[in-house]
Amino acid sequence: MERSRERWVQAQADLEHARKSLEAGDYEWACFAAQQAAEVAVKAVLERKSAPRDMRCISFSRP
């Protein structure tokens, strides 16, 4: 399986984990898992679109 597909599958699993954590009332873990799912999904899309490697690093900085 290509790496972008593996990442996409992992993102889906992370999102499902976030949903289950939310249902269980574990809000901090749900937020963390959802954020991880989003990051992995973005990386999968960038890899699939053959973005340069330096664009695959996700960083949030304050202005």
PDB file of N, CA and C in Angstrom:
ATOM      1  N   MET A   1       0.858  -1.180   0.000  1.00  0.00           N
ATOM      2  CA  MET A   1       0.000   0.000   0.000  1.00  0.00           C
ATOM      3  C   MET A   1       0.899   1.237   0.000  1.00  0.00           C
ATOM      4  N   GLU A   2       0.551   2.233  -0.808  1.00  0.00           N
ATOM      5  CA  GLU A   2       1.366   3.436  -0.846  1.00  0.00           C
ATOM      6  C   GLU A   2       1.243   4.216   0.459  1.00  0.00           C
ATOM      7  N   ARG A   3       2.266   5.000   0.746  1.00  0.00           N
ATOM      8  CA  ARG A   3       2.339   5.708   2.032  1.00  0.00           C
ATOM      9  C   ARG A   3       1.166   6.660   2.240  1.00  0.00           C
ATOM     10  N   SER A   4       0.751   7.366   1.205  1.00  0.00           N
ATOM     11  CA  SER A   4      -0.357   8.309   1.379  1.00  0.00           C
ATOM     12  C   SER A   4      -1.642   7.575   1.770  1.00  0.00           C
ATOM     13  N   ARG A   5      -1.840   6.394   1.205  1.00  0.00           N
ATOM     14  CA  ARG A   5      -3.027   5.593   1.547  1.00  0.00           C
ATOM     15  C   ARG A   5      -2.935   5.108   2.993  1.00  0.00           C
ATOM     16  N   GLU A   6      -1.753   4.689   3.407  1.00  0.00           N
ATOM     17  CA  GLU A   6      -1.556   4.253   4.797  1.00  0.00           C
ATOM     18  C   GLU A   6      -1.864   5.394   5.760  1.00  0.00           C
ATOM     19  N   ARG A   7      -1.385   6.577   5.429  1.00  0.00           N
ATOM     20  CA  ARG A   7      -1.660   7.743   6.288  1.00  0.00           C
ATOM     21  C   ARG A   7      -3.158   8.038   6.341  1.00  0.00           C
ATOM     22  N   TRP A   8      -3.838   7.936   5.189  1.00  0.00           N
ATOM     23  CA  TRP A   8      -5.274   8.212   5.156  1.00  0.00           C
ATOM     24  C   TRP A   8      -6.041   7.230   6.042  1.00  0.00           C
ATOM     25  N   VAL A   9      -5.682   5.958   5.966  1.00  0.00           N
ATOM     26  CA  VAL A   9      -6.313   4.934   6.795  1.00  0.00           C
ATOM     27  C   VAL A   9      -6.054   5.241   8.274  1.00  0.00           C
ATOM     28  N   GLN A  10      -4.841   5.658   8.607  1.00  0.00           N
ATOM     29  CA  GLN A  10      -4.511   6.007   9.996  1.00  0.00           C
ATOM     30  C   GLN A  10      -5.320   7.216  10.456  1.00  0.00           C
ATOM     31  N   ALA A  11      -5.485   8.201   9.585  1.00  0.00           N
ATOM     32  CA  ALA A  11      -6.276   9.389   9.933  1.00  0.00           C
ATOM     33  C   ALA A  11      -7.717   8.995  10.259  1.00  0.00           C
ATOM     34  N   GLN A  12      -8.273   8.087   9.476  1.00  0.00           N
ATOM     35  CA  GLN A  12      -9.635   7.622   9.726  1.00  0.00           C
ATOM     36  C   GLN A  12      -9.728   6.910  11.079  1.00  0.00           C
ATOM     37  N   ALA A  13      -8.722   6.105  11.387  1.00  0.00           N
ATOM     38  CA  ALA A  13      -8.701   5.396  12.677  1.00  0.00           C
ATOM     39  C   ALA A  13      -8.568   6.387  13.836  1.00  0.00           C
ATOM     40  N   ASP A  14      -7.720   7.404  13.660  1.00  0.00           N
ATOM     41  CA  ASP A  14      -7.561   8.430  14.697  1.00  0.00           C
ATOM     42  C   ASP A  14      -8.867   9.192  14.914  1.00  0.00           C
ATOM     43  N   LEU A  15      -9.565   9.485  13.825  1.00  0.00           N
ATOM     44  CA  LEU A  15     -10.833  10.196  13.939  1.00  0.00           C
ATOM     45  C   LEU A  15     -11.882   9.343  14.656  1.00  0.00           C
ATOM     46  N   GLU A  16     -11.905   8.071  14.359  1.00  0.00           N
ATOM     47  CA  GLU A  16     -12.834   7.172  15.061  1.00  0.00           C
ATOM     48  C   GLU A  16     -12.508   7.119  16.555  1.00  0.00           C
ATOM     49  N   HIS A  17     -11.226   7.096  16.865  1.00  0.00           N
ATOM     50  CA  HIS A  17     -10.810   7.110  18.276  1.00  0.00           C
ATOM     51  C   HIS A  17     -11.279   8.409  18.941  1.00  0.00           C
ATOM     52  N   ALA A  18     -11.176   9.511  18.233  1.00  0.00           N
ATOM     53  CA  ALA A  18     -11.637  10.796  18.773  1.00  0.00           C
ATOM     54  C   ALA A  18     -13.135  10.755  19.052  1.00  0.00           C
ATOM     55  N   ARG A  19     -13.898  10.186  18.128  1.00  0.00           N
ATOM     56  CA  ARG A  19     -15.355  10.080  18.330  1.00  0.00           C
ATOM     57  C   ARG A  19     -15.696   9.248  19.566  1.00  0.00           C
ATOM     58  N   LYS A  20     -15.007   8.129  19.700  1.00  0.00           N
ATOM     59  CA  LYS A  20     -15.269   7.263  20.857  1.00  0.00           C
ATOM     60  C   LYS A  20     -14.873   7.959  22.161  1.00  0.00           C
ATOM     61  N   SER A  21     -13.778   8.693  22.142  1.00  0.00           N
ATOM     62  CA  SER A  21     -13.343   9.430  23.334  1.00  0.00           C
ATOM     63  C   SER A  21     -14.355  10.505  23.686  1.00  0.00           C
ATOM     64  N   LEU A  22     -14.880  11.178  22.667  1.00  0.00           N
ATOM     65  CA  LEU A  22     -15.896  12.201  22.897  1.00  0.00           C
ATOM     66  C   LEU A  22     -17.138  11.596  23.541  1.00  0.00           C
ATOM     67  N   GLU A  23     -17.586  10.477  22.997  1.00  0.00           N
ATOM     68  CA  GLU A  23     -18.765   9.799  23.553  1.00  0.00           C
ATOM     69  C   GLU A  23     -18.536   9.365  24.992  1.00  0.00           C
ATOM     70  N   ALA A  24     -17.283   9.032  25.327  1.00  0.00           N
ATOM     71  CA  ALA A  24     -16.955   8.585  26.679  1.00  0.00           C
ATOM     72  C   ALA A  24     -16.745   9.762  27.635  1.00  0.00           C
ATOM     73  N   GLY A  25     -16.791  10.976  27.106  1.00  0.00           N
ATOM     74  CA  GLY A  25     -16.602  12.153  27.953  1.00  0.00           C
ATOM     75  C   GLY A  25     -15.140  12.490  28.201  1.00  0.00           C
ATOM     76  N   ASP A  26     -14.245  11.861  27.473  1.00  0.00           N
ATOM     77  CA  ASP A  26     -12.810  12.128  27.620  1.00  0.00           C
ATOM     78  C   ASP A  26     -12.438  13.220  26.621  1.00  0.00           C
ATOM     79  N   TYR A  27     -12.794  14.455  26.958  1.00  0.00           N
ATOM     80  CA  TYR A  27     -12.714  15.560  26.016  1.00  0.00           C
ATOM     81  C   TYR A  27     -11.287  15.942  25.629  1.00  0.00           C
ATOM     82  N   GLU A  28     -10.373  15.901  26.584  1.00  0.00           N
ATOM     83  CA  GLU A  28      -8.980  16.238  26.249  1.00  0.00           C
ATOM     84  C   GLU A  28      -8.414  15.241  25.242  1.00  0.00           C
ATOM     85  N   TRP A  29      -8.660  13.964  25.466  1.00  0.00           N
ATOM     86  CA  TRP A  29      -8.144  12.953  24.549  1.00  0.00           C
ATOM     87  C   TRP A  29      -8.860  13.034  23.206  1.00  0.00           C
ATOM     88  N   ALA A  30     -10.138  13.358  23.215  1.00  0.00           N
ATOM     89  CA  ALA A  30     -10.885  13.512  21.965  1.00  0.00           C
ATOM     90  C   ALA A  30     -10.303  14.650  21.132  1.00  0.00           C
ATOM     91  N   CYS A  31      -9.979  15.748  21.779  1.00  0.00           N
ATOM     92  CA  CYS A  31      -9.374  16.879  21.058  1.00  0.00           C
ATOM     93  C   CYS A  31      -8.014  16.498  20.491  1.00  0.00           C
ATOM     94  N   PHE A  32      -7.211  15.826  21.287  1.00  0.00           N
ATOM     95  CA  PHE A  32      -5.883  15.421  20.824  1.00  0.00           C
ATOM     96  C   PHE A  32      -5.995  14.466  19.637  1.00  0.00           C
ATOM     97  N   ALA A  33      -6.850  13.471  19.736  1.00  0.00           N
ATOM     98  CA  ALA A  33      -6.995  12.488  18.666  1.00  0.00           C
ATOM     99  C   ALA A  33      -7.545  13.142  17.394  1.00  0.00           C
ATOM    100  N   ALA A  34      -8.471  14.083  17.542  1.00  0.00           N
ATOM    101  CA  ALA A  34      -9.022  14.779  16.383  1.00  0.00           C
ATOM    102  C   ALA A  34      -7.946  15.627  15.702  1.00  0.00           C
ATOM    103  N   GLN A  35      -7.122  16.281  16.497  1.00  0.00           N
ATOM    104  CA  GLN A  35      -6.039  17.096  15.943  1.00  0.00           C
ATOM    105  C   GLN A  35      -5.034  16.212  15.214  1.00  0.00           C
ATOM    106  N   GLN A  36      -4.713  15.064  15.793  1.00  0.00           N
ATOM    107  CA  GLN A  36      -3.795  14.120  15.140  1.00  0.00           C
ATOM    108  C   GLN A  36      -4.397  13.619  13.824  1.00  0.00           C
ATOM    109  N   ALA A  37      -5.674  13.315  13.844  1.00  0.00           N
ATOM    110  CA  ALA A  37      -6.354  12.848  12.630  1.00  0.00           C
ATOM    111  C   ALA A  37      -6.258  13.901  11.532  1.00  0.00           C
ATOM    112  N   ALA A  38      -6.472  15.150  11.896  1.00  0.00           N
ATOM    113  CA  ALA A  38      -6.399  16.231  10.907  1.00  0.00           C
ATOM    114  C   ALA A  38      -4.993  16.357  10.329  1.00  0.00           C
ATOM    115  N   GLU A  39      -3.984  16.320  11.183  1.00  0.00           N
ATOM    116  CA  GLU A  39      -2.600  16.428  10.703  1.00  0.00           C
ATOM    117  C   GLU A  39      -2.237  15.287   9.760  1.00  0.00           C
ATOM    118  N   VAL A  40      -2.587  14.083  10.140  1.00  0.00           N
ATOM    119  CA  VAL A  40      -2.252  12.921   9.324  1.00  0.00           C
ATOM    120  C   VAL A  40      -3.008  12.979   8.000  1.00  0.00           C
ATOM    121  N   ALA A  41      -4.252  13.425   8.020  1.00  0.00           N
ATOM    122  CA  ALA A  41      -5.037  13.536   6.789  1.00  0.00           C
ATOM    123  C   ALA A  41      -4.417  14.568   5.845  1.00  0.00           C
ATOM    124  N   VAL A  42      -3.987  15.695   6.379  1.00  0.00           N
ATOM    125  CA  VAL A  42      -3.348  16.719   5.544  1.00  0.00           C
ATOM    126  C   VAL A  42      -2.063  16.172   4.935  1.00  0.00           C
ATOM    127  N   LYS A  43      -1.269  15.471   5.728  1.00  0.00           N
ATOM    128  CA  LYS A  43      -0.041  14.869   5.207  1.00  0.00           C
ATOM    129  C   LYS A  43      -0.346  13.869   4.097  1.00  0.00           C
ATOM    130  N   ALA A  44      -1.399  13.091   4.266  1.00  0.00           N
ATOM    131  CA  ALA A  44      -1.775  12.115   3.243  1.00  0.00           C
ATOM    132  C   ALA A  44      -2.125  12.810   1.929  1.00  0.00           C
ATOM    133  N   VAL A  45      -2.891  13.885   2.025  1.00  0.00           N
ATOM    134  CA  VAL A  45      -3.280  14.625   0.823  1.00  0.00           C
ATOM    135  C   VAL A  45      -2.054  15.242   0.164  1.00  0.00           C
ATOM    136  N   LEU A  46      -1.171  15.849   0.958  1.00  0.00           N
ATOM    137  CA  LEU A  46       0.038  16.455   0.393  1.00  0.00           C
ATOM    138  C   LEU A  46       0.917  15.407  -0.278  1.00  0.00           C
ATOM    139  N   GLU A  47       1.051  14.250   0.351  1.00  0.00           N
ATOM    140  CA  GLU A  47       1.839  13.181  -0.263  1.00  0.00           C
ATOM    141  C   GLU A  47       1.198  12.713  -1.563  1.00  0.00           C
ATOM    142  N   ARG A  48      -0.101  12.575  -1.551  1.00  0.00           N
ATOM    143  CA  ARG A  48      -0.815  12.113  -2.747  1.00  0.00           C
ATOM    144  C   ARG A  48      -0.658  13.100  -3.897  1.00  0.00           C
ATOM    145  N   LYS A  49      -0.650  14.380  -3.560  1.00  0.00           N
ATOM    146  CA  LYS A  49      -0.516  15.421  -4.577  1.00  0.00           C
ATOM    147  C   LYS A  49       0.951  15.694  -4.915  1.00  0.00           C
ATOM    148  N   SER A  50       1.855  14.906  -4.338  1.00  0.00           N
ATOM    149  CA  SER A  50       3.301  15.031  -4.587  1.00  0.00           C
ATOM    150  C   SER A  50       3.851  16.398  -4.220  1.00  0.00           C
ATOM    151  N   ALA A  51       3.410  16.912  -3.092  1.00  0.00           N
ATOM    152  CA  ALA A  51       3.927  18.184  -2.603  1.00  0.00           C
ATOM    153  C   ALA A  51       5.384  17.999  -2.173  1.00  0.00           C
ATOM    154  N   PRO A  52       6.190  19.051  -2.283  1.00  0.00           N
ATOM    155  CA  PRO A  52       7.580  18.953  -1.809  1.00  0.00           C
ATOM    156  C   PRO A  52       7.628  18.557  -0.336  1.00  0.00           C
ATOM    157  N   ARG A  53       8.667  17.831   0.037  1.00  0.00           N
ATOM    158  CA  ARG A  53       8.773  17.315   1.413  1.00  0.00           C
ATOM    159  C   ARG A  53       8.697  18.420   2.455  1.00  0.00           C
ATOM    160  N   ASP A  54       9.263  19.585   2.192  1.00  0.00           N
ATOM    161  CA  ASP A  54       9.238  20.655   3.190  1.00  0.00           C
ATOM    162  C   ASP A  54       7.834  21.210   3.409  1.00  0.00           C
ATOM    163  N   MET A  55       6.922  20.977   2.479  1.00  0.00           N
ATOM    164  CA  MET A  55       5.537  21.414   2.652  1.00  0.00           C
ATOM    165  C   MET A  55       4.735  20.411   3.476  1.00  0.00           C
ATOM    166  N   ARG A  56       5.293  19.249   3.747  1.00  0.00           N
ATOM    167  CA  ARG A  56       4.562  18.218   4.485  1.00  0.00           C
ATOM    168  C   ARG A  56       4.726  18.358   5.995  1.00  0.00           C
ATOM    169  N   CYS A  57       5.514  19.304   6.424  1.00  0.00           N
ATOM    170  CA  CYS A  57       5.723  19.563   7.852  1.00  0.00           C
ATOM    171  C   CYS A  57       4.672  20.577   8.290  1.00  0.00           C
ATOM    172  N   ILE A  58       3.841  20.191   9.214  1.00  0.00           N
ATOM    173  CA  ILE A  58       2.759  21.071   9.664  1.00  0.00           C
ATOM    174  C   ILE A  58       3.224  21.824  10.895  1.00  0.00           C
ATOM    175  N   SER A  59       3.135  23.133  10.821  1.00  0.00           N
ATOM    176  CA  SER A  59       3.562  23.969  11.932  1.00  0.00           C
ATOM    177  C   SER A  59       2.592  25.132  12.072  1.00  0.00           C
ATOM    178  N   PHE A  60       2.178  25.362  13.281  1.00  0.00           N
ATOM    179  CA  PHE A  60       1.310  26.496  13.561  1.00  0.00           C
ATOM    180  C   PHE A  60       2.114  27.476  14.395  1.00  0.00           C
ATOM    181  N   SER A  61       2.319  28.657  13.859  1.00  0.00           N
ATOM    182  CA  SER A  61       3.081  29.657  14.597  1.00  0.00           C
ATOM    183  C   SER A  61       2.229  30.891  14.793  1.00  0.00           C
ATOM    184  N   ARG A  62       2.517  31.585  15.827  1.00  0.00           N
ATOM    185  CA  ARG A  62       1.780  32.817  16.120  1.00  0.00           C
ATOM    186  C   ARG A  62       2.442  33.974  15.380  1.00  0.00           C
ATOM    187  N   PRO A  63       1.629  34.921  14.932  1.00  0.00           N
ATOM    188  CA  PRO A  63       2.200  36.085  14.214  1.00  0.00           C
ATOM    189  C   PRO A  63       3.049  36.947  15.117  1.00  0.00           C
TER     190      PRO A  63
END
